[in-house]
Amino acid sequence: MATPGSSEWLDLVQEDIIEPDRRIIDPHHHLWESVSMWGRYVLEDLWNDTQSGHNIEKTVFIDCRSNYRMDAPEHMRPIGETEFVASVAAESAKDDEKATIAAIVSHANMTLGDSVEEVLSAHEEAGNGLFRGIRHAGPHDTTGTLTNRGSRQPCPYTRADFQAGVRRLGQLGYTYDTWHFYHQNQEYFELAKAVPETTMILDHFGTPLGVGAYAGRQEEIFEQWKADIADIAQCPNVHAKLGGMAMPDNGFGWDKNPTPPTSDEFAEAQRRYYLHTIECFGPHRCMFESNFPVDRLSISYHVLWNGLKKIVNDFTEEEKDQMFYGTAARVYRI
């Protein structure tokens, strides 16, 4: 059997591209020059995915602790990632036929409060005009389920210094991305209310978990998640990234199957999460994302985007254009 997540495994499902001319910004992908737990993923790999049939015009790189300056003071180490991605983005801009990395979201420690401005200035200088914002994620899990990414440190969202840092982002015109687990959505809601001047982006639906201690609780978790998303959507400064649900953390189990899912299987399994979030936020505050190569453990790029298109097939053309392109272009100033 082909190894789940491998190119051989992903190639077992091939589909015709739906709406191949629809313009798309993929607002959430990573790059790893050295091997990570998700493998090596560089410009060539990104292009292999973005060139697989859909009309991906531009992308947004999101912080993933890649190429940090390990010899720098701790708070300045993330500048190395911005330098690395800016150079890759410049290379991507040389080919008009392929997707261009058009924006960079880096990392800075928000608990620095107002002092975070020093780090932001360095990112701005290193980004060659592409630096748009910060992701300081806040995952917190004490069950032992998510040992690779679940932090045992308390969630920082309600800390006064953290909120001061996020507030400073907005004052300087930068965005704030984050991801966490579904049981932290109310803390995120408190953060959003505390910093109304900052444009915030909720990544990956707030991760409704489905493995380990959370296995077998999908319906219970869905009901809590559903109410929390409705609360968060009350904050006009928050936008929703629609994707990341193919991560193994969410318990759909595709990463353990002999073949990856088809777009129909993907859409059937996840439609209710997408439609509820769109109903709460509205298409003008939603953007589809790939979360590659992390979601590549479960589904191929071209099948994923087919599934996303199927989920919103009944929306108007203007609404679809917002979710596939317009919201990301506006939020990330592309």
C-alpha atoms as a PDB file:
ATOM      1  CA  MET A   1       0.000   0.000   0.000  1.00  0.00           C
ATOM      2  CA  ALA A   2       1.235   3.494  -0.838  1.00  0.00           C
ATOM      3  CA  THR A   3       2.151   5.601   2.189  1.00  0.00           C
ATOM      4  CA  PRO A   4      -0.626   8.091   3.077  1.00  0.00           C
ATOM      5  CA  GLY A   5       0.483  11.619   2.255  1.00  0.00           C
ATOM      6  CA  SER A   6       3.000  10.481  -0.359  1.00  0.00           C
ATOM      7  CA  SER A   7       2.732  11.596  -3.977  1.00  0.00           C
ATOM      8  CA  GLU A   8       2.110   7.982  -4.982  1.00  0.00           C
ATOM      9  CA  TRP A   9      -0.833   7.763  -2.566  1.00  0.00           C
ATOM     10  CA  LEU A  10      -2.289  11.155  -3.515  1.00  0.00           C
ATOM     11  CA  ASP A  11      -2.070  10.279  -7.209  1.00  0.00           C
ATOM     12  CA  LEU A  12      -4.473   7.379  -6.659  1.00  0.00           C
ATOM     13  CA  VAL A  13      -7.340   9.877  -6.952  1.00  0.00           C
ATOM     14  CA  GLN A  14      -7.427  12.008 -10.092  1.00  0.00           C
ATOM     15  CA  GLU A  15     -10.295  14.333 -11.016  1.00  0.00           C
ATOM     16  CA  ASP A  16     -11.248  16.756 -13.746  1.00  0.00           C
ATOM     17  CA  ILE A  17     -10.874  20.330 -12.554  1.00  0.00           C
ATOM     18  CA  ILE A  18     -14.100  22.146 -11.703  1.00  0.00           C
ATOM     19  CA  GLU A  19     -14.286  25.781 -12.888  1.00  0.00           C
ATOM     20  CA  PRO A  20     -10.627  25.809 -13.992  1.00  0.00           C
ATOM     21  CA  ASP A  21     -10.706  29.516 -14.851  1.00  0.00           C
ATOM     22  CA  ARG A  22     -11.897  30.709 -11.435  1.00  0.00           C
ATOM     23  CA  ARG A  23      -9.256  33.054  -9.993  1.00  0.00           C
ATOM     24  CA  ILE A  24      -7.938  31.968  -6.608  1.00  0.00           C
ATOM     25  CA  ILE A  25      -5.665  33.341  -3.910  1.00  0.00           C
ATOM     26  CA  ASP A  26      -4.440  30.592  -1.608  1.00  0.00           C
ATOM     27  CA  PRO A  27      -4.012  32.575   1.641  1.00  0.00           C
ATOM     28  CA  HIS A  28      -2.412  29.876   3.764  1.00  0.00           C
ATOM     29  CA  HIS A  29       0.579  27.690   2.956  1.00  0.00           C
ATOM     30  CA  HIS A  30       3.971  26.966   4.480  1.00  0.00           C
ATOM     31  CA  LEU A  31       7.515  26.393   3.217  1.00  0.00           C
ATOM     32  CA  TRP A  32      10.201  24.200   4.748  1.00  0.00           C
ATOM     33  CA  GLU A  33      13.691  24.167   3.255  1.00  0.00           C
ATOM     34  CA  SER A  34      14.807  21.496   5.710  1.00  0.00           C
ATOM     35  CA  VAL A  35      12.726  18.423   6.495  1.00  0.00           C
ATOM     36  CA  SER A  36       9.867  19.043   8.945  1.00  0.00           C
ATOM     37  CA  MET A  37       7.339  16.558  10.341  1.00  0.00           C
ATOM     38  CA  TRP A  38       5.420  17.246   7.107  1.00  0.00           C
ATOM     39  CA  GLY A  39       8.430  16.740   4.879  1.00  0.00           C
ATOM     40  CA  ARG A  40      10.378  19.257   2.818  1.00  0.00           C
ATOM     41  CA  TYR A  41       8.192  21.787   0.968  1.00  0.00           C
ATOM     42  CA  VAL A  42       9.863  24.428  -1.186  1.00  0.00           C
ATOM     43  CA  LEU A  43       8.836  26.567  -4.157  1.00  0.00           C
ATOM     44  CA  GLU A  44       9.040  23.669  -6.613  1.00  0.00           C
ATOM     45  CA  ASP A  45       6.670  21.634  -4.416  1.00  0.00           C
ATOM     46  CA  LEU A  46       4.291  24.555  -4.015  1.00  0.00           C
ATOM     47  CA  TRP A  47       4.233  25.073  -7.761  1.00  0.00           C
ATOM     48  CA  ASN A  48       3.627  21.366  -8.361  1.00  0.00           C
ATOM     49  CA  ASP A  49       0.468  21.773  -6.299  1.00  0.00           C
ATOM     50  CA  THR A  50      -0.680  25.178  -7.521  1.00  0.00           C
ATOM     51  CA  GLN A  51      -0.112  24.090 -11.147  1.00  0.00           C
ATOM     52  CA  SER A  52      -2.243  20.947 -10.760  1.00  0.00           C
ATOM     53  CA  GLY A  53      -5.219  22.468 -12.575  1.00  0.00           C
ATOM     54  CA  HIS A  54      -6.834  25.264 -10.608  1.00  0.00           C
ATOM     55  CA  ASN A  55      -6.186  28.927 -11.394  1.00  0.00           C
ATOM     56  CA  ILE A  56      -4.066  29.816  -8.342  1.00  0.00           C
ATOM     57  CA  GLU A  57      -2.799  33.310  -9.112  1.00  0.00           C
ATOM     58  CA  LYS A  58      -1.254  34.293  -5.769  1.00  0.00           C
ATOM     59  CA  THR A  59      -0.498  32.841  -2.365  1.00  0.00           C
ATOM     60  CA  VAL A  60       0.155  33.979   1.193  1.00  0.00           C
ATOM     61  CA  PHE A  61       2.938  32.382   3.226  1.00  0.00           C
ATOM     62  CA  ILE A  62       2.084  31.780   6.890  1.00  0.00           C
ATOM     63  CA  ASP A  63       4.645  31.404   9.679  1.00  0.00           C
ATOM     64  CA  CYS A  64       5.798  27.847  10.404  1.00  0.00           C
ATOM     65  CA  ARG A  65       9.087  28.371  12.283  1.00  0.00           C
ATOM     66  CA  SER A  66      11.101  27.933   9.094  1.00  0.00           C
ATOM     67  CA  ASN A  67      14.692  29.230   8.794  1.00  0.00           C
ATOM     68  CA  TYR A  68      14.656  31.159  12.059  1.00  0.00           C
ATOM     69  CA  ARG A  69      17.883  33.021  12.964  1.00  0.00           C
ATOM     70  CA  MET A  70      18.995  30.697  15.741  1.00  0.00           C
ATOM     71  CA  ASP A  71      22.031  32.872  16.576  1.00  0.00           C
ATOM     72  CA  ALA A  72      19.881  35.976  17.210  1.00  0.00           C
ATOM     73  CA  PRO A  73      18.175  37.080  20.445  1.00  0.00           C
ATOM     74  CA  GLU A  74      15.066  34.942  20.875  1.00  0.00           C
ATOM     75  CA  HIS A  75      12.536  37.658  20.043  1.00  0.00           C
ATOM     76  CA  MET A  76      14.375  38.451  16.776  1.00  0.00           C
ATOM     77  CA  ARG A  77      14.818  34.883  15.528  1.00  0.00           C
ATOM     78  CA  PRO A  78      11.634  34.905  13.353  1.00  0.00           C
ATOM     79  CA  ILE A  79      13.194  37.567  11.105  1.00  0.00           C
ATOM     80  CA  GLY A  80      15.155  34.773   9.435  1.00  0.00           C
ATOM     81  CA  GLU A  81      11.917  33.243   8.185  1.00  0.00           C
ATOM     82  CA  THR A  82      10.824  36.517   6.585  1.00  0.00           C
ATOM     83  CA  GLU A  83      14.216  36.855   4.865  1.00  0.00           C
ATOM     84  CA  PHE A  84      13.974  33.297   3.566  1.00  0.00           C
ATOM     85  CA  VAL A  85      10.416  33.637   2.252  1.00  0.00           C
ATOM     86  CA  ALA A  86      11.069  37.067   0.706  1.00  0.00           C
ATOM     87  CA  SER A  87      13.826  35.505  -1.385  1.00  0.00           C
ATOM     88  CA  VAL A  88      11.546  32.637  -2.442  1.00  0.00           C
ATOM     89  CA  ALA A  89       8.787  35.130  -3.259  1.00  0.00           C
ATOM     90  CA  ALA A  90      11.167  37.085  -5.491  1.00  0.00           C
ATOM     91  CA  GLU A  91      11.941  33.878  -7.341  1.00  0.00           C
ATOM     92  CA  SER A  92       8.234  33.102  -7.694  1.00  0.00           C
ATOM     93  CA  ALA A  93       7.607  36.508  -9.268  1.00  0.00           C
ATOM     94  CA  LYS A  94       9.943  35.697 -12.180  1.00  0.00           C
ATOM     95  CA  ASP A  95       7.452  33.281 -13.774  1.00  0.00           C
ATOM     96  CA  ASP A  96       4.206  34.882 -14.943  1.00  0.00           C
ATOM     97  CA  GLU A  97       2.668  31.479 -15.623  1.00  0.00           C
ATOM     98  CA  LYS A  98       2.839  30.275 -12.028  1.00  0.00           C
ATOM     99  CA  ALA A  99       1.507  31.365  -8.639  1.00  0.00           C
ATOM    100  CA  THR A 100       3.317  34.261  -6.977  1.00  0.00           C
ATOM    101  CA  ILE A 101       3.890  34.455  -3.236  1.00  0.00           C
ATOM    102  CA  ALA A 102       2.303  37.871  -2.760  1.00  0.00           C
ATOM    103  CA  ALA A 103       2.285  38.320   1.029  1.00  0.00           C
ATOM    104  CA  ILE A 104       4.105  37.101   4.134  1.00  0.00           C
ATOM    105  CA  VAL A 105       2.650  36.549   7.604  1.00  0.00           C
ATOM    106  CA  SER A 106       5.498  35.997  10.056  1.00  0.00           C
ATOM    107  CA  HIS A 107       5.803  35.468  13.809  1.00  0.00           C
ATOM    108  CA  ALA A 108       6.430  37.776  16.720  1.00  0.00           C
ATOM    109  CA  ASN A 109       5.832  37.215  20.405  1.00  0.00           C
ATOM    110  CA  MET A 110       2.707  39.228  21.227  1.00  0.00           C
ATOM    111  CA  THR A 111       3.506  39.170  24.942  1.00  0.00           C
ATOM    112  CA  LEU A 112       6.143  41.795  24.148  1.00  0.00           C
ATOM    113  CA  GLY A 113       3.254  44.263  24.154  1.00  0.00           C
ATOM    114  CA  ASP A 114       4.135  47.642  22.675  1.00  0.00           C
ATOM    115  CA  SER A 115       7.781  46.557  22.487  1.00  0.00           C
ATOM    116  CA  VAL A 116       6.860  44.230  19.637  1.00  0.00           C
ATOM    117  CA  GLU A 117       7.272  47.216  17.318  1.00  0.00           C
ATOM    118  CA  GLU A 118      11.026  46.542  17.143  1.00  0.00           C
ATOM    119  CA  VAL A 119      10.339  43.069  15.725  1.00  0.00           C
ATOM    120  CA  LEU A 120       7.702  44.362  13.312  1.00  0.00           C
ATOM    121  CA  SER A 121      10.103  46.954  11.944  1.00  0.00           C
ATOM    122  CA  ALA A 122      12.680  44.254  11.296  1.00  0.00           C
ATOM    123  CA  HIS A 123      10.090  42.092   9.536  1.00  0.00           C
ATOM    124  CA  GLU A 124       9.054  45.052   7.399  1.00  0.00           C
ATOM    125  CA  GLU A 125      12.639  45.647   6.335  1.00  0.00           C
ATOM    126  CA  ALA A 126      13.272  41.971   5.619  1.00  0.00           C
ATOM    127  CA  GLY A 127      10.017  41.438   3.737  1.00  0.00           C
ATOM    128  CA  ASN A 128      10.759  43.540   0.650  1.00  0.00           C
ATOM    129  CA  GLY A 129       7.275  45.030   0.701  1.00  0.00           C
ATOM    130  CA  LEU A 130       5.468  41.725   1.341  1.00  0.00           C
ATOM    131  CA  PHE A 131       5.186  41.666   5.143  1.00  0.00           C
ATOM    132  CA  ARG A 132       1.520  41.899   6.136  1.00  0.00           C
ATOM    133  CA  GLY A 133       1.079  40.578   9.644  1.00  0.00           C
ATOM    134  CA  ILE A 134       1.833  38.171  12.447  1.00  0.00           C
ATOM    135  CA  ARG A 135       0.729  34.745  13.493  1.00  0.00           C
ATOM    136  CA  HIS A 136       1.208  33.917  17.152  1.00  0.00           C
ATOM    137  CA  ALA A 137      -0.759  30.710  17.613  1.00  0.00           C
ATOM    138  CA  GLY A 138      -2.209  29.702  20.962  1.00  0.00           C
ATOM    139  CA  PRO A 139      -2.906  25.936  20.948  1.00  0.00           C
ATOM    140  CA  HIS A 140      -3.331  24.517  24.440  1.00  0.00           C
ATOM    141  CA  ASP A 141      -4.047  20.884  25.238  1.00  0.00           C
ATOM    142  CA  THR A 142      -3.340  18.950  28.415  1.00  0.00           C
ATOM    143  CA  THR A 143      -4.758  15.551  27.447  1.00  0.00           C
ATOM    144  CA  GLY A 144      -1.564  14.309  25.800  1.00  0.00           C
ATOM    145  CA  THR A 145      -3.496  13.861  22.562  1.00  0.00           C
ATOM    146  CA  LEU A 146      -1.562  16.382  20.496  1.00  0.00           C
ATOM    147  CA  THR A 147       2.006  15.983  21.623  1.00  0.00           C
ATOM    148  CA  ASN A 148       3.514  17.488  18.457  1.00  0.00           C
ATOM    149  CA  ARG A 149       1.693  20.810  18.566  1.00  0.00           C
ATOM    150  CA  GLY A 150      -0.498  21.049  21.641  1.00  0.00           C
ATOM    151  CA  SER A 151       1.089  23.423  24.105  1.00  0.00           C
ATOM    152  CA  ARG A 152       0.970  22.714  27.804  1.00  0.00           C
ATOM    153  CA  GLN A 153       1.373  26.412  28.477  1.00  0.00           C
ATOM    154  CA  PRO A 154      -1.831  28.323  29.280  1.00  0.00           C
ATOM    155  CA  CYS A 155      -3.525  29.989  26.329  1.00  0.00           C
ATOM    156  CA  PRO A 156      -2.152  33.543  26.063  1.00  0.00           C
ATOM    157  CA  TYR A 157      -5.224  35.253  24.565  1.00  0.00           C
ATOM    158  CA  THR A 158      -6.513  36.808  27.788  1.00  0.00           C
ATOM    159  CA  ARG A 159      -3.142  38.107  28.999  1.00  0.00           C
ATOM    160  CA  ALA A 160      -2.939  41.905  29.140  1.00  0.00           C
ATOM    161  CA  ASP A 161       0.537  41.998  27.549  1.00  0.00           C
ATOM    162  CA  PHE A 162      -0.562  39.673  24.737  1.00  0.00           C
ATOM    163  CA  GLN A 163      -3.605  41.812  24.021  1.00  0.00           C
ATOM    164  CA  ALA A 164      -1.411  44.913  24.028  1.00  0.00           C
ATOM    165  CA  GLY A 165       0.799  43.328  21.379  1.00  0.00           C
ATOM    166  CA  VAL A 166      -2.162  42.374  19.172  1.00  0.00           C
ATOM    167  CA  ARG A 167      -3.607  45.861  19.639  1.00  0.00           C
ATOM    168  CA  ARG A 168      -0.299  47.357  18.496  1.00  0.00           C
ATOM    169  CA  LEU A 169      -0.477  45.289  15.319  1.00  0.00           C
ATOM    170  CA  GLY A 170      -3.750  46.947  14.395  1.00  0.00           C
ATOM    171  CA  GLN A 171      -2.483  50.402  15.228  1.00  0.00           C
ATOM    172  CA  LEU A 172       0.393  49.856  12.799  1.00  0.00           C
ATOM    173  CA  GLY A 173      -1.822  48.416  10.059  1.00  0.00           C
ATOM    174  CA  TYR A 174      -0.829  44.753  10.408  1.00  0.00           C
ATOM    175  CA  THR A 175      -3.063  41.678  10.670  1.00  0.00           C
ATOM    176  CA  TYR A 176      -3.176  38.985  13.335  1.00  0.00           C
ATOM    177  CA  ASP A 177      -3.545  35.286  12.383  1.00  0.00           C
ATOM    178  CA  THR A 178      -3.818  32.435  14.825  1.00  0.00           C
ATOM    179  CA  TRP A 179      -4.947  28.855  15.245  1.00  0.00           C
ATOM    180  CA  HIS A 180      -5.949  26.931  18.332  1.00  0.00           C
ATOM    181  CA  PHE A 181      -8.270  24.126  19.420  1.00  0.00           C
ATOM    182  CA  TYR A 182     -12.063  24.344  19.551  1.00  0.00           C
ATOM    183  CA  HIS A 183     -12.179  24.505  23.362  1.00  0.00           C
ATOM    184  CA  GLN A 184     -10.239  27.800  23.178  1.00  0.00           C
ATOM    185  CA  ASN A 185     -12.723  29.571  20.932  1.00  0.00           C
ATOM    186  CA  GLN A 186     -14.283  31.517  23.792  1.00  0.00           C
ATOM    187  CA  GLU A 187     -10.871  32.838  24.845  1.00  0.00           C
ATOM    188  CA  TYR A 188     -10.321  33.885  21.247  1.00  0.00           C
ATOM    189  CA  PHE A 189     -13.709  35.618  21.349  1.00  0.00           C
ATOM    190  CA  GLU A 190     -12.542  37.600  24.391  1.00  0.00           C
ATOM    191  CA  LEU A 191      -9.361  38.598  22.571  1.00  0.00           C
ATOM    192  CA  ALA A 192     -11.310  39.766  19.521  1.00  0.00           C
ATOM    193  CA  LYS A 193     -13.548  41.951  21.668  1.00  0.00           C
ATOM    194  CA  ALA A 194     -10.535  43.433  23.463  1.00  0.00           C
ATOM    195  CA  VAL A 195      -8.743  44.541  20.247  1.00  0.00           C
ATOM    196  CA  PRO A 196     -11.473  45.809  17.874  1.00  0.00           C
ATOM    197  CA  GLU A 197      -8.954  47.929  15.956  1.00  0.00           C
ATOM    198  CA  THR A 198      -6.975  44.883  14.793  1.00  0.00           C
ATOM    199  CA  THR A 199      -7.955  42.788  11.767  1.00  0.00           C
ATOM    200  CA  MET A 200      -7.910  39.189  12.997  1.00  0.00           C
ATOM    201  CA  ILE A 201      -8.012  35.962  10.993  1.00  0.00           C
ATOM    202  CA  LEU A 202      -9.228  32.726  12.559  1.00  0.00           C
ATOM    203  CA  ASP A 203      -7.314  29.856  10.946  1.00  0.00           C
ATOM    204  CA  HIS A 204      -8.679  26.336  10.413  1.00  0.00           C
ATOM    205  CA  PHE A 205     -12.146  26.872  11.957  1.00  0.00           C
ATOM    206  CA  GLY A 206     -10.716  26.816  15.478  1.00  0.00           C
ATOM    207  CA  THR A 207      -9.818  23.108  14.972  1.00  0.00           C
ATOM    208  CA  PRO A 208     -12.756  20.904  16.026  1.00  0.00           C
ATOM    209  CA  LEU A 209     -10.735  17.951  17.310  1.00  0.00           C
ATOM    210  CA  GLY A 210     -11.508  14.281  16.737  1.00  0.00           C
ATOM    211  CA  VAL A 211      -8.538  12.152  17.837  1.00  0.00           C
ATOM    212  CA  GLY A 212      -7.126  10.841  21.092  1.00  0.00           C
ATOM    213  CA  ALA A 213      -9.166  12.068  24.057  1.00  0.00           C
ATOM    214  CA  TYR A 214     -11.531  13.752  21.591  1.00  0.00           C
ATOM    215  CA  ALA A 215     -12.256  10.680  19.454  1.00  0.00           C
ATOM    216  CA  GLY A 216     -15.902   9.605  19.252  1.00  0.00           C
ATOM    217  CA  ARG A 217     -17.141  13.014  20.425  1.00  0.00           C
ATOM    218  CA  GLN A 218     -17.588  14.634  17.015  1.00  0.00           C
ATOM    219  CA  GLU A 219     -21.293  15.486  17.411  1.00  0.00           C
ATOM    220  CA  GLU A 220     -20.867  16.903  20.914  1.00  0.00           C
ATOM    221  CA  ILE A 221     -17.859  18.948  19.808  1.00  0.00           C
ATOM    222  CA  PHE A 222     -19.677  20.150  16.684  1.00  0.00           C
ATOM    223  CA  GLU A 223     -22.508  21.629  18.768  1.00  0.00           C
ATOM    224  CA  GLN A 224     -20.118  23.535  21.032  1.00  0.00           C
ATOM    225  CA  TRP A 225     -18.028  24.637  18.064  1.00  0.00           C
ATOM    226  CA  LYS A 226     -21.126  25.807  16.201  1.00  0.00           C
ATOM    227  CA  ALA A 227     -22.208  28.094  19.056  1.00  0.00           C
ATOM    228  CA  ASP A 228     -18.709  29.465  19.548  1.00  0.00           C
ATOM    229  CA  ILE A 229     -18.300  30.332  15.856  1.00  0.00           C
ATOM    230  CA  ALA A 230     -21.570  32.270  15.995  1.00  0.00           C
ATOM    231  CA  ASP A 231     -20.218  34.239  18.977  1.00  0.00           C
ATOM    232  CA  ILE A 232     -16.887  35.014  17.313  1.00  0.00           C
ATOM    233  CA  ALA A 233     -18.636  36.175  14.133  1.00  0.00           C
ATOM    234  CA  GLN A 234     -20.253  38.982  16.141  1.00  0.00           C
ATOM    235  CA  CYS A 235     -16.851  40.704  16.117  1.00  0.00           C
ATOM    236  CA  PRO A 236     -16.558  42.603  12.818  1.00  0.00           C
ATOM    237  CA  ASN A 237     -12.757  42.662  13.038  1.00  0.00           C
ATOM    238  CA  VAL A 238     -12.542  38.856  12.677  1.00  0.00           C
ATOM    239  CA  HIS A 239     -12.303  37.043   9.331  1.00  0.00           C
ATOM    240  CA  ALA A 240     -12.500  33.273   8.876  1.00  0.00           C
ATOM    241  CA  LYS A 241     -10.078  31.096   6.935  1.00  0.00           C
ATOM    242  CA  LEU A 242     -11.997  28.122   5.605  1.00  0.00           C
ATOM    243  CA  GLY A 243      -9.684  25.130   5.499  1.00  0.00           C
ATOM    244  CA  GLY A 244      -7.349  23.018   7.585  1.00  0.00           C
ATOM    245  CA  MET A 245     -10.114  20.525   8.352  1.00  0.00           C
ATOM    246  CA  ALA A 246      -8.270  17.740   6.541  1.00  0.00           C
ATOM    247  CA  MET A 247      -5.577  17.831   9.231  1.00  0.00           C
ATOM    248  CA  PRO A 248      -5.475  14.430  10.967  1.00  0.00           C
ATOM    249  CA  ASP A 249      -6.207  16.225  14.270  1.00  0.00           C
ATOM    250  CA  ASN A 250      -9.847  16.582  13.243  1.00  0.00           C
ATOM    251  CA  GLY A 251     -10.428  12.850  13.160  1.00  0.00           C
ATOM    252  CA  PHE A 252     -11.751  12.178   9.669  1.00  0.00           C
ATOM    253  CA  GLY A 253      -9.195   9.381   9.347  1.00  0.00           C
ATOM    254  CA  TRP A 254      -8.289   9.904   5.702  1.00  0.00           C
ATOM    255  CA  ASP A 255      -4.584   9.733   6.550  1.00  0.00           C
ATOM    256  CA  LYS A 256      -5.043   6.069   7.490  1.00  0.00           C
ATOM    257  CA  ASN A 257      -6.992   4.914   4.433  1.00  0.00           C
ATOM    258  CA  PRO A 258      -5.623   2.941   1.467  1.00  0.00           C
ATOM    259  CA  THR A 259      -6.705   5.775  -0.853  1.00  0.00           C
ATOM    260  CA  PRO A 260      -7.267   9.522  -0.250  1.00  0.00           C
ATOM    261  CA  PRO A 261     -10.799  10.946  -0.373  1.00  0.00           C
ATOM    262  CA  THR A 262     -12.500  12.164  -3.517  1.00  0.00           C
ATOM    263  CA  SER A 263     -13.830  15.717  -3.609  1.00  0.00           C
ATOM    264  CA  ASP A 264     -17.348  14.345  -3.123  1.00  0.00           C
ATOM    265  CA  GLU A 265     -16.273  12.477   0.021  1.00  0.00           C
ATOM    266  CA  PHE A 266     -14.461  15.544   1.312  1.00  0.00           C
ATOM    267  CA  ALA A 267     -17.446  17.839   0.660  1.00  0.00           C
ATOM    268  CA  GLU A 268     -19.943  15.433   2.210  1.00  0.00           C
ATOM    269  CA  ALA A 269     -17.887  15.012   5.390  1.00  0.00           C
ATOM    270  CA  GLN A 270     -17.075  18.683   5.961  1.00  0.00           C
ATOM    271  CA  ARG A 271     -19.821  20.721   4.272  1.00  0.00           C
ATOM    272  CA  ARG A 272     -21.640  21.567   7.504  1.00  0.00           C
ATOM    273  CA  TYR A 273     -18.553  23.232   9.030  1.00  0.00           C
ATOM    274  CA  TYR A 274     -18.031  25.406   5.960  1.00  0.00           C
ATOM    275  CA  LEU A 275     -21.666  26.381   5.485  1.00  0.00           C
ATOM    276  CA  HIS A 276     -22.194  27.260   9.147  1.00  0.00           C
ATOM    277  CA  THR A 277     -19.109  29.488   9.200  1.00  0.00           C
ATOM    278  CA  ILE A 278     -20.092  31.208   5.960  1.00  0.00           C
ATOM    279  CA  GLU A 279     -23.610  31.749   7.299  1.00  0.00           C
ATOM    280  CA  CYS A 280     -22.213  33.375  10.462  1.00  0.00           C
ATOM    281  CA  PHE A 281     -19.463  35.503   8.900  1.00  0.00           C
ATOM    282  CA  GLY A 282     -20.841  36.109   5.410  1.00  0.00           C
ATOM    283  CA  PRO A 283     -18.826  35.486   2.221  1.00  0.00           C
ATOM    284  CA  HIS A 284     -17.123  38.903   2.457  1.00  0.00           C
ATOM    285  CA  ARG A 285     -15.389  37.840   5.684  1.00  0.00           C
ATOM    286  CA  CYS A 286     -14.444  34.319   4.557  1.00  0.00           C
ATOM    287  CA  MET A 287     -11.519  33.030   2.495  1.00  0.00           C
ATOM    288  CA  PHE A 288     -10.721  29.483   1.376  1.00  0.00           C
ATOM    289  CA  GLU A 289      -7.265  28.124   2.245  1.00  0.00           C
ATOM    290  CA  SER A 290      -5.239  25.014   1.412  1.00  0.00           C
ATOM    291  CA  ASN A 291      -3.103  24.758   4.574  1.00  0.00           C
ATOM    292  CA  PHE A 292      -0.548  22.892   2.487  1.00  0.00           C
ATOM    293  CA  PRO A 293       1.485  20.834   2.942  1.00  0.00           C
ATOM    294  CA  VAL A 294      -0.124  19.989   6.309  1.00  0.00           C
ATOM    295  CA  ASP A 295      -3.472  18.942   4.792  1.00  0.00           C
ATOM    296  CA  ARG A 296      -1.515  17.053   2.131  1.00  0.00           C
ATOM    297  CA  LEU A 297      -1.344  14.211   4.651  1.00  0.00           C
ATOM    298  CA  SER A 298      -5.016  13.576   3.823  1.00  0.00           C
ATOM    299  CA  ILE A 299      -5.914  14.991   0.397  1.00  0.00           C
ATOM    300  CA  SER A 300      -4.314  16.246  -2.810  1.00  0.00           C
ATOM    301  CA  TYR A 301      -4.327  19.907  -3.782  1.00  0.00           C
ATOM    302  CA  HIS A 302      -6.494  19.632  -6.888  1.00  0.00           C
ATOM    303  CA  VAL A 303      -9.059  17.397  -5.145  1.00  0.00           C
ATOM    304  CA  LEU A 304      -9.220  19.759  -2.157  1.00  0.00           C
ATOM    305  CA  TRP A 305     -10.048  22.790  -4.314  1.00  0.00           C
ATOM    306  CA  ASN A 306     -12.618  20.752  -6.249  1.00  0.00           C
ATOM    307  CA  GLY A 307     -14.261  19.945  -2.937  1.00  0.00           C
ATOM    308  CA  LEU A 308     -14.291  23.570  -1.849  1.00  0.00           C
ATOM    309  CA  LYS A 309     -15.911  24.583  -5.120  1.00  0.00           C
ATOM    310  CA  LYS A 310     -18.570  21.887  -4.695  1.00  0.00           C
ATOM    311  CA  ILE A 311     -19.427  23.056  -1.173  1.00  0.00           C
ATOM    312  CA  VAL A 312     -20.329  26.560  -2.402  1.00  0.00           C
ATOM    313  CA  ASN A 313     -21.704  25.577  -5.783  1.00  0.00           C
ATOM    314  CA  ASP A 314     -25.076  27.208  -5.003  1.00  0.00           C
ATOM    315  CA  PHE A 315     -23.628  30.596  -3.995  1.00  0.00           C
ATOM    316  CA  THR A 316     -23.700  33.575  -6.331  1.00  0.00           C
ATOM    317  CA  GLU A 317     -20.772  34.352  -8.578  1.00  0.00           C
ATOM    318  CA  GLU A 318     -19.940  37.472  -6.566  1.00  0.00           C
ATOM    319  CA  GLU A 319     -20.021  35.520  -3.289  1.00  0.00           C
ATOM    320  CA  LYS A 320     -17.765  32.797  -4.656  1.00  0.00           C
ATOM    321  CA  ASP A 321     -15.303  35.361  -5.998  1.00  0.00           C
ATOM    322  CA  GLN A 322     -15.077  36.923  -2.546  1.00  0.00           C
ATOM    323  CA  MET A 323     -14.314  33.604  -0.841  1.00  0.00           C
ATOM    324  CA  PHE A 324     -11.829  32.386  -3.440  1.00  0.00           C
ATOM    325  CA  TYR A 325     -10.115  35.716  -4.090  1.00  0.00           C
ATOM    326  CA  GLY A 326     -11.574  39.014  -2.884  1.00  0.00           C
ATOM    327  CA  THR A 327     -11.504  38.592   0.893  1.00  0.00           C
ATOM    328  CA  ALA A 328      -7.867  37.459   0.896  1.00  0.00           C
ATOM    329  CA  ALA A 329      -6.885  40.258  -1.495  1.00  0.00           C
ATOM    330  CA  ARG A 330      -8.478  42.851   0.763  1.00  0.00           C
ATOM    331  CA  VAL A 331      -7.320  41.508   4.130  1.00  0.00           C
ATOM    332  CA  TYR A 332      -3.721  40.923   3.053  1.00  0.00           C
ATOM    333  CA  ARG A 333      -3.532  43.990   0.787  1.00  0.00           C
ATOM    334  CA  ILE A 334      -2.596  41.988  -2.291  1.00  0.00           C
END
